[in-house]
Every structure is written in structure tokens, then in C-alpha cells.
Protein backbone atom coordinates (compact mmCIF):
# COMPACT_ATOMS: atom_id res chain seq x y z
CA UNK A 1 -30.48 -25.03 -32.04
CA UNK A 2 -25.86 -25.97 -31.91
CA UNK A 3 -24.08 -26.74 -28.77
CA UNK A 4 -21.08 -25.11 -29.78
CA UNK A 5 -21.98 -21.18 -30.03
CA UNK A 6 -24.19 -22.01 -26.87
CA UNK A 7 -20.84 -23.62 -25.39
CA UNK A 8 -18.85 -20.78 -26.44
CA UNK A 9 -21.20 -18.35 -25.30
CA UNK A 10 -20.85 -19.85 -21.76
CA UNK A 11 -17.29 -20.51 -21.63
CA UNK A 12 -16.84 -16.02 -22.08
CA UNK A 13 -18.77 -15.74 -19.36
CA UNK A 14 -16.89 -17.56 -17.18
CA UNK A 15 -14.25 -16.12 -18.50
CA UNK A 16 -15.21 -12.73 -17.34
CA UNK A 17 -16.88 -13.64 -14.45
CA UNK A 18 -13.55 -14.75 -13.45
CA UNK A 19 -11.80 -11.16 -14.52
CA UNK A 20 -14.50 -9.46 -12.70
CA UNK A 21 -13.78 -11.43 -9.53
CA UNK A 22 -10.30 -11.32 -9.57
CA UNK A 23 -10.19 -7.64 -10.03
CA UNK A 24 -12.59 -6.94 -7.13
CA UNK A 25 -10.34 -9.30 -5.08
CA UNK A 26 -7.25 -7.00 -5.61
CA UNK A 27 -8.61 -3.92 -6.01
CA UNK A 28 -7.96 -2.78 -2.69
CA UNK A 29 -3.77 -2.68 -3.95
CA UNK A 30 -4.44 0.12 -5.62
CA UNK A 31 -5.85 2.34 -3.05
CA UNK A 32 -3.83 4.86 -1.45
CA UNK A 33 -4.33 4.05 2.07
CA UNK A 34 -2.97 0.69 1.35
CA UNK A 35 -0.25 1.80 -0.28
CA UNK A 36 0.45 4.15 2.82
CA UNK A 37 0.34 1.07 4.77
CA UNK A 38 2.33 -0.40 2.73
CA UNK A 39 4.95 2.06 2.83
CA UNK A 40 5.19 2.08 6.47
CA UNK A 41 5.13 -1.40 6.90
CA UNK A 42 8.80 -1.11 4.66
CA UNK A 43 10.07 2.07 6.64
CA UNK A 44 9.24 0.08 9.51
CA UNK A 45 11.40 -3.13 8.80
CA UNK A 46 14.34 -1.23 7.29
CA UNK A 47 14.96 0.97 10.79
CA UNK A 48 14.73 -2.90 12.74
CA UNK A 49 16.46 -4.77 9.80
CA UNK A 50 18.47 -2.83 7.63
CA UNK A 51 20.45 0.02 6.71
CA UNK A 52 19.95 2.26 3.81
CA UNK A 53 22.11 4.13 1.71
CA UNK A 54 21.41 7.65 2.51
CA UNK A 55 20.09 8.49 -1.21
CA UNK A 56 17.72 5.32 -1.00
CA UNK A 57 16.28 6.32 2.17
CA UNK A 58 15.82 10.11 1.32
CA UNK A 59 13.72 8.72 -2.13
CA UNK A 60 11.93 6.44 -0.22
CA UNK A 61 11.15 9.22 2.55
CA UNK A 62 10.12 11.66 -0.21
CA UNK A 63 7.83 8.65 -2.33
CA UNK A 64 5.94 7.85 1.45
CA UNK A 65 5.64 11.56 2.05
CA UNK A 66 3.54 11.67 -1.52
CA UNK A 67 2.08 8.28 -0.86
CA UNK A 68 0.50 9.68 2.98
CA UNK A 69 -0.96 12.84 1.08
CA UNK A 70 -2.38 11.23 -1.47
CA UNK A 71 -4.02 8.73 1.20
CA UNK A 72 -4.74 12.14 3.00
CA UNK A 73 -6.58 13.45 0.14
CA UNK A 74 -8.65 10.38 -0.25
CA UNK A 75 -9.73 10.03 3.66
CA UNK A 76 -10.95 13.39 3.54
CA UNK A 77 -12.61 12.61 -0.03
CA UNK A 78 -14.46 9.40 1.63
CA UNK A 79 -15.01 11.76 5.50
CA UNK A 80 -15.94 15.18 4.42
CA UNK A 81 -17.47 15.34 7.80
CA UNK A 82 -14.10 14.51 9.93
CA UNK A 83 -11.65 17.80 10.31
CA UNK A 84 -8.05 17.56 9.21
CA UNK A 85 -7.08 16.73 12.57
CA UNK A 86 -9.24 13.81 12.39
CA UNK A 87 -7.90 12.48 9.58
CA UNK A 88 -4.30 13.28 10.95
CA UNK A 89 -5.46 11.15 14.00
CA UNK A 90 -6.59 8.17 11.30
CA UNK A 91 -3.48 8.25 9.65
CA UNK A 92 -1.36 8.15 12.91
CA UNK A 93 -3.58 5.16 14.18
CA UNK A 94 -2.53 3.36 10.80
CA UNK A 95 0.85 3.84 11.01
CA UNK A 96 0.71 2.96 14.81
CA UNK A 97 -1.08 -0.34 13.81
CA UNK A 98 1.22 -0.89 10.68
CA UNK A 99 4.66 -0.82 12.59
CA UNK A 100 3.17 -2.52 15.68
CA UNK A 101 2.65 -5.64 13.45
CA UNK A 102 5.88 -5.23 11.48
CA UNK A 103 7.77 -5.34 15.47
CA UNK A 104 5.46 -8.34 16.50
CA UNK A 105 6.81 -9.98 13.04
CA UNK A 106 10.32 -8.89 13.90
CA UNK A 107 10.19 -10.11 17.60
CA UNK A 108 8.55 -13.70 16.87
CA UNK A 109 10.81 -14.39 13.48
CA UNK A 110 13.52 -12.16 13.14
CA UNK A 111 14.88 -10.09 10.43
CA UNK A 112 15.86 -13.03 8.65
CA UNK A 113 11.94 -13.90 8.10
CA UNK A 114 10.87 -13.75 4.26
CA UNK A 115 8.02 -11.63 5.06
CA UNK A 116 10.71 -8.86 6.55
CA UNK A 117 12.94 -9.72 3.97
CA UNK A 118 10.33 -8.92 1.23
CA UNK A 119 9.66 -5.58 2.91
CA UNK A 120 13.19 -4.30 3.28
CA UNK A 121 13.33 -5.15 -0.88
CA UNK A 122 10.45 -3.58 -1.06
CA UNK A 123 11.93 -0.30 0.36
CA UNK A 124 14.35 -0.72 -1.60
CA UNK A 125 12.45 -0.74 -4.94
CA UNK A 126 9.61 1.77 -3.81
CA UNK A 127 12.78 4.29 -3.35
CA UNK A 128 13.59 4.08 -7.12
CA UNK A 129 9.92 5.45 -8.39
CA UNK A 130 9.07 8.93 -8.58
CA UNK A 131 5.75 9.17 -7.05
CA UNK A 132 4.92 12.66 -7.17
CA UNK A 133 2.81 14.58 -4.82
CA UNK A 134 -0.84 14.97 -5.54
CA UNK A 135 -2.16 18.55 -6.29
CA UNK A 136 -3.46 20.26 -3.04
CA UNK A 137 -1.98 18.21 -0.80
CA UNK A 138 -0.35 19.24 2.50
CA UNK A 139 3.02 18.97 3.46
CA UNK A 140 2.41 16.52 6.10
């Protein structure tokens, strides 16, 4: 038996295994709750360390509201036994924990820290998006 085809199969299998591993490690980044957490962190960093133009702030707020609605729908689907009030509490806890995390970072390292810069820059970039609220979402 020739070793070339066996080696090729092993290389392809290793590559596919690596790709699957890589996708599973970053899959959470497309989940609505994670995206909402990032929006909350960006908003908090900008509120403490920046001054967005009114139109940028308005667009970001609209996009954050849409992302929040998607997170609310996902949490409802993942937790059908939870009431809308319980889902609201879960989102409020998410907001509180993200804001506390950003506050601690700013208090420790200041507004000139690279992570805060990334959050405020991301705020401006996310404001440019045109995120549409999901069908059936509340106005929360």
C-alpha cells in the first residue's frame, strides 16, 4: 500500500478536525445573548469614556434595542418554563454584570486602556449597522 494516499487522508482529517475545533471555540460569538453582552459593555464604556455624536448614539441605541430583543427571544426559547418577567430579570442581571465589569476595568486602568478603546471604537462601528428587530419581539 502506498503511503501517499494514507498521508493525504490523515492530513485532510487533521485539517477538518482543526476546523471543527476552531468553529466550536468561537460559536458563542454569534449567540444573541453574547452579542447583547458586548453591546452593553460598549455602551457602558462609551457612557463613561466618550461622547458620541447624537446621531451615532441614536443609531447605537436602536441597534442595542434590536439585539436585546433577539436575546430575549432566544432566552425564551431556551427556557420555555420561564415567565417574561424572569427573562427580563435575566437580562437585567446581564446588564448589571457587564456594566460592573466595565466599571471595574475603567476604575483600575482608566479610559486610556486599550480594552476601553476597543469598546468605544466598537460602539461607533456597531452604530453603523442596520440591525432589524426580530419579528414577534417586544418593544423592551
